[in-house]
Every structure is written in C-alpha cells, then in structure tokens.
Amino acid sequence: MSEFKSKRQELMTITMEECGELIQACSKAIRCGTYEKNDNLIQELCDVKCMIDLMIENKIITTMELTNGSNLKKLKLMKWSNLFGAVK
C-alpha cells in the first residue's frame, strides 16, 4: 500500500524531493566551479523538468500558466539581476 493519500500528494512530494536534489547540485556546481558538462546538474535539471511535465499532465498547472509565469519572472530578472547582460 502506498504511503501517499493520493496521486497528487505523491506528485507533490516527489517534486519537492527533486527540487531539493537540484538545489544540492547547484550548490555543488558553485563550490566546484563546474557549470558546464556537469552530469549531476544535468540529471537533476532533467528530473525537475520531468516533474513539471507531470504537473501539466495532472492539471496542476497549464502550459499557458507556466509560460506566462516564466515570462513574468524573466521580466523581473531583467530588472533586478545581471543575467541578461554580458556573460561574466
């Protein structure tokens, strides 16, 4: 028997776990200076992307909501970060 009360609860839990693993991979990349060709970082990014895709499939969020939210975040980053300027 599953420890989860519902499919959505399982989806949320696994998504949280995958996001935590991505946080760890990002932290290690910063510590080691391994930003490109980092197999662990790539794997964790792919895992999170998979979970986002499953969120769409399970109607937690729509593709349109995701796209709109992503575009809003980019606008904020353009204003408050250096991510859209020259590469450092």
N, C-alpha and C. Protein backbone atom coordinates (compact mmCIF):
# COMPACT_ATOMS: atom_id res chain seq x y z
N MET A 1 0.84 -1.18 0.00
CA MET A 1 0.00 0.00 0.00
C MET A 1 0.88 1.25 0.00
N SER A 2 0.48 2.23 -0.74
CA SER A 2 1.25 3.46 -0.87
C SER A 2 1.18 4.30 0.40
N GLU A 3 2.27 4.99 0.69
CA GLU A 3 2.30 5.88 1.85
C GLU A 3 1.57 7.20 1.57
N PHE A 4 1.18 7.41 0.31
CA PHE A 4 0.55 8.65 -0.09
C PHE A 4 -0.97 8.51 -0.09
N LYS A 5 -1.64 9.59 0.25
CA LYS A 5 -3.10 9.59 0.28
C LYS A 5 -3.70 9.70 -1.12
N SER A 6 -2.93 10.27 -2.04
CA SER A 6 -3.43 10.45 -3.40
C SER A 6 -2.27 10.55 -4.39
N LYS A 7 -2.61 10.41 -5.64
CA LYS A 7 -1.62 10.57 -6.71
C LYS A 7 -1.03 11.98 -6.69
N ARG A 8 -1.87 12.97 -6.44
CA ARG A 8 -1.38 14.36 -6.39
C ARG A 8 -0.42 14.58 -5.22
N GLN A 9 -0.70 13.96 -4.08
CA GLN A 9 0.20 14.07 -2.94
C GLN A 9 1.56 13.45 -3.28
N GLU A 10 1.54 12.32 -3.96
CA GLU A 10 2.79 11.69 -4.38
C GLU A 10 3.53 12.58 -5.37
N LEU A 11 2.80 13.15 -6.31
CA LEU A 11 3.40 14.05 -7.29
C LEU A 11 4.07 15.25 -6.61
N MET A 12 3.38 15.85 -5.65
CA MET A 12 3.94 17.00 -4.93
C MET A 12 5.17 16.60 -4.12
N THR A 13 5.11 15.46 -3.48
CA THR A 13 6.23 15.01 -2.64
C THR A 13 7.47 14.73 -3.49
N ILE A 14 7.28 14.01 -4.57
CA ILE A 14 8.43 13.70 -5.44
C ILE A 14 8.99 14.98 -6.06
N THR A 15 8.11 15.91 -6.42
CA THR A 15 8.57 17.19 -6.97
C THR A 15 9.42 17.94 -5.95
N MET A 16 8.97 17.97 -4.70
CA MET A 16 9.76 18.62 -3.65
C MET A 16 11.13 17.97 -3.51
N GLU A 17 11.15 16.65 -3.52
CA GLU A 17 12.42 15.93 -3.39
C GLU A 17 13.35 16.24 -4.56
N GLU A 18 12.80 16.25 -5.76
CA GLU A 18 13.63 16.54 -6.93
C GLU A 18 14.15 17.97 -6.91
N CYS A 19 13.33 18.91 -6.46
CA CYS A 19 13.79 20.30 -6.34
C CYS A 19 14.93 20.40 -5.32
N GLY A 20 14.81 19.67 -4.23
CA GLY A 20 15.88 19.65 -3.23
C GLY A 20 17.18 19.10 -3.79
N GLU A 21 17.07 18.06 -4.62
CA GLU A 21 18.27 17.49 -5.24
C GLU A 21 18.88 18.47 -6.24
N LEU A 22 18.04 19.24 -6.92
CA LEU A 22 18.56 20.27 -7.84
C LEU A 22 19.27 21.37 -7.06
N ILE A 23 18.73 21.75 -5.92
CA ILE A 23 19.39 22.74 -5.07
C ILE A 23 20.79 22.25 -4.68
N GLN A 24 20.89 21.00 -4.29
CA GLN A 24 22.19 20.45 -3.91
C GLN A 24 23.15 20.43 -5.09
N ALA A 25 22.67 20.07 -6.27
CA ALA A 25 23.52 20.03 -7.46
C ALA A 25 24.01 21.43 -7.83
N CYS A 26 23.13 22.43 -7.69
CA CYS A 26 23.53 23.81 -7.97
C CYS A 26 24.59 24.28 -6.97
N SER A 27 24.38 23.95 -5.71
CA SER A 27 25.34 24.32 -4.68
C SER A 27 26.72 23.70 -4.94
N LYS A 28 26.72 22.43 -5.30
CA LYS A 28 27.98 21.75 -5.59
C LYS A 28 28.65 22.34 -6.83
N ALA A 29 27.86 22.70 -7.84
CA ALA A 29 28.42 23.32 -9.05
C ALA A 29 29.11 24.63 -8.71
N ILE A 30 28.49 25.41 -7.82
CA ILE A 30 29.10 26.68 -7.39
C ILE A 30 30.39 26.41 -6.64
N ARG A 31 30.37 25.48 -5.69
CA ARG A 31 31.56 25.16 -4.90
C ARG A 31 32.71 24.67 -5.77
N CYS A 32 32.39 23.85 -6.77
CA CYS A 32 33.43 23.22 -7.59
C CYS A 32 33.72 24.00 -8.88
N GLY A 33 32.88 24.97 -9.19
CA GLY A 33 33.06 25.73 -10.43
C GLY A 33 32.77 24.90 -11.68
N THR A 34 31.91 23.90 -11.55
CA THR A 34 31.59 23.02 -12.68
C THR A 34 30.20 23.35 -13.20
N TYR A 35 30.14 24.36 -14.05
CA TYR A 35 28.84 24.82 -14.55
C TYR A 35 28.44 24.13 -15.85
N GLU A 36 29.38 23.84 -16.70
CA GLU A 36 29.07 23.18 -17.97
C GLU A 36 29.50 21.71 -17.92
N LYS A 37 28.81 20.91 -18.71
CA LYS A 37 29.11 19.48 -18.81
C LYS A 37 29.14 18.81 -17.43
N ASN A 38 28.23 19.25 -16.57
CA ASN A 38 28.10 18.72 -15.22
C ASN A 38 26.97 17.69 -15.24
N ASP A 39 27.35 16.42 -15.29
CA ASP A 39 26.35 15.35 -15.44
C ASP A 39 25.32 15.34 -14.32
N ASN A 40 25.74 15.58 -13.09
CA ASN A 40 24.80 15.58 -11.97
C ASN A 40 23.81 16.73 -12.10
N LEU A 41 24.29 17.91 -12.43
CA LEU A 41 23.41 19.07 -12.61
C LEU A 41 22.44 18.82 -13.75
N ILE A 42 22.92 18.27 -14.84
CA ILE A 42 22.06 17.97 -15.99
C ILE A 42 20.97 16.99 -15.58
N GLN A 43 21.34 15.93 -14.87
CA GLN A 43 20.36 14.92 -14.44
C GLN A 43 19.29 15.52 -13.55
N GLU A 44 19.72 16.35 -12.60
CA GLU A 44 18.75 16.94 -11.67
C GLU A 44 17.83 17.94 -12.38
N LEU A 45 18.38 18.70 -13.32
CA LEU A 45 17.53 19.60 -14.12
C LEU A 45 16.50 18.80 -14.92
N CYS A 46 16.93 17.70 -15.51
CA CYS A 46 16.02 16.84 -16.27
C CYS A 46 14.94 16.25 -15.37
N ASP A 47 15.32 15.86 -14.17
CA ASP A 47 14.34 15.29 -13.23
C ASP A 47 13.27 16.32 -12.87
N VAL A 48 13.70 17.55 -12.62
CA VAL A 48 12.74 18.61 -12.28
C VAL A 48 11.85 18.92 -13.49
N LYS A 49 12.44 18.95 -14.68
CA LYS A 49 11.65 19.18 -15.90
C LYS A 49 10.59 18.08 -16.05
N CYS A 50 10.95 16.85 -15.78
CA CYS A 50 10.01 15.74 -15.84
C CYS A 50 8.85 15.98 -14.87
N MET A 51 9.17 16.42 -13.67
CA MET A 51 8.12 16.65 -12.67
C MET A 51 7.21 17.81 -13.08
N ILE A 52 7.78 18.84 -13.68
CA ILE A 52 6.96 19.94 -14.19
C ILE A 52 6.03 19.42 -15.29
N ASP A 53 6.56 18.59 -16.17
CA ASP A 53 5.73 17.99 -17.22
C ASP A 53 4.58 17.18 -16.61
N LEU A 54 4.88 16.43 -15.54
CA LEU A 54 3.83 15.65 -14.88
C LEU A 54 2.81 16.55 -14.19
N MET A 55 3.25 17.70 -13.71
CA MET A 55 2.32 18.68 -13.13
C MET A 55 1.33 19.15 -14.19
N ILE A 56 1.82 19.37 -15.40
CA ILE A 56 0.95 19.76 -16.51
C ILE A 56 -0.01 18.63 -16.85
N GLU A 57 0.51 17.42 -16.99
CA GLU A 57 -0.31 16.26 -17.33
C GLU A 57 -1.41 16.01 -16.29
N ASN A 58 -1.11 16.33 -15.03
CA ASN A 58 -2.07 16.11 -13.95
C ASN A 58 -2.89 17.35 -13.63
N LYS A 59 -2.83 18.34 -14.52
CA LYS A 59 -3.65 19.54 -14.45
C LYS A 59 -3.44 20.37 -13.18
N ILE A 60 -2.22 20.34 -12.66
CA ILE A 60 -1.85 21.22 -11.55
C ILE A 60 -1.61 22.63 -12.08
N ILE A 61 -1.04 22.69 -13.27
CA ILE A 61 -0.75 23.95 -13.95
C ILE A 61 -0.92 23.70 -15.45
N THR A 62 -1.28 24.74 -16.18
CA THR A 62 -1.39 24.60 -17.63
C THR A 62 -0.09 25.09 -18.28
N THR A 63 0.11 24.69 -19.50
CA THR A 63 1.28 25.16 -20.25
C THR A 63 1.25 26.68 -20.37
N MET A 64 0.07 27.24 -20.58
CA MET A 64 -0.08 28.69 -20.70
C MET A 64 0.29 29.38 -19.39
N GLU A 65 -0.18 28.86 -18.26
CA GLU A 65 0.17 29.45 -16.96
C GLU A 65 1.68 29.39 -16.73
N LEU A 66 2.27 28.27 -17.10
CA LEU A 66 3.71 28.10 -16.93
C LEU A 66 4.48 29.09 -17.80
N THR A 67 4.07 29.22 -19.04
CA THR A 67 4.73 30.14 -19.96
C THR A 67 4.57 31.59 -19.48
N ASN A 68 3.36 31.95 -19.08
CA ASN A 68 3.13 33.32 -18.60
C ASN A 68 3.94 33.61 -17.34
N GLY A 69 3.95 32.68 -16.41
CA GLY A 69 4.72 32.86 -15.18
C GLY A 69 6.21 32.95 -15.45
N SER A 70 6.69 32.15 -16.38
CA SER A 70 8.10 32.17 -16.75
C SER A 70 8.46 33.52 -17.38
N ASN A 71 7.60 34.01 -18.24
CA ASN A 71 7.85 35.31 -18.87
C ASN A 71 7.86 36.44 -17.86
N LEU A 72 6.96 36.39 -16.88
CA LEU A 72 6.95 37.41 -15.81
C LEU A 72 8.24 37.37 -15.00
N LYS A 73 8.71 36.16 -14.71
CA LYS A 73 9.97 36.02 -13.96
C LYS A 73 11.14 36.60 -14.76
N LYS A 74 11.16 36.34 -16.06
CA LYS A 74 12.23 36.89 -16.90
C LYS A 74 12.23 38.42 -16.85
N LEU A 75 11.05 39.02 -16.88
CA LEU A 75 10.97 40.48 -16.80
C LEU A 75 11.55 40.98 -15.48
N LYS A 76 11.24 40.29 -14.39
CA LYS A 76 11.80 40.68 -13.08
C LYS A 76 13.31 40.52 -13.08
N LEU A 77 13.80 39.41 -13.65
CA LEU A 77 15.24 39.18 -13.69
C LEU A 77 15.94 40.22 -14.56
N MET A 78 15.31 40.65 -15.63
CA MET A 78 15.90 41.70 -16.47
C MET A 78 16.09 42.99 -15.68
N LYS A 79 15.16 43.24 -14.76
CA LYS A 79 15.23 44.45 -13.95
C LYS A 79 16.20 44.31 -12.77
N TRP A 80 16.19 43.16 -12.11
CA TRP A 80 16.87 43.02 -10.82
C TRP A 80 18.12 42.15 -10.82
N SER A 81 18.49 41.57 -11.96
CA SER A 81 19.69 40.74 -11.99
C SER A 81 20.58 41.13 -13.16
N ASN A 82 21.72 40.50 -13.22
CA ASN A 82 22.65 40.71 -14.34
C ASN A 82 22.61 39.57 -15.34
N LEU A 83 21.60 38.72 -15.25
CA LEU A 83 21.55 37.52 -16.07
C LEU A 83 21.37 37.80 -17.56
N PHE A 84 20.82 38.94 -17.90
CA PHE A 84 20.55 39.23 -19.30
C PHE A 84 21.55 40.23 -19.89
N GLY A 85 22.62 40.48 -19.17
CA GLY A 85 23.69 41.33 -19.66
C GLY A 85 24.81 40.47 -20.22
N ALA A 86 25.99 41.01 -20.25
CA ALA A 86 27.16 40.29 -20.75
C ALA A 86 27.49 39.13 -19.81
N VAL A 87 28.02 38.04 -20.37
CA VAL A 87 28.42 36.88 -19.59
C VAL A 87 29.64 37.25 -18.75
N LYS A 88 29.61 36.89 -17.48
CA LYS A 88 30.74 37.18 -16.59
C LYS A 88 31.66 36.00 -16.50
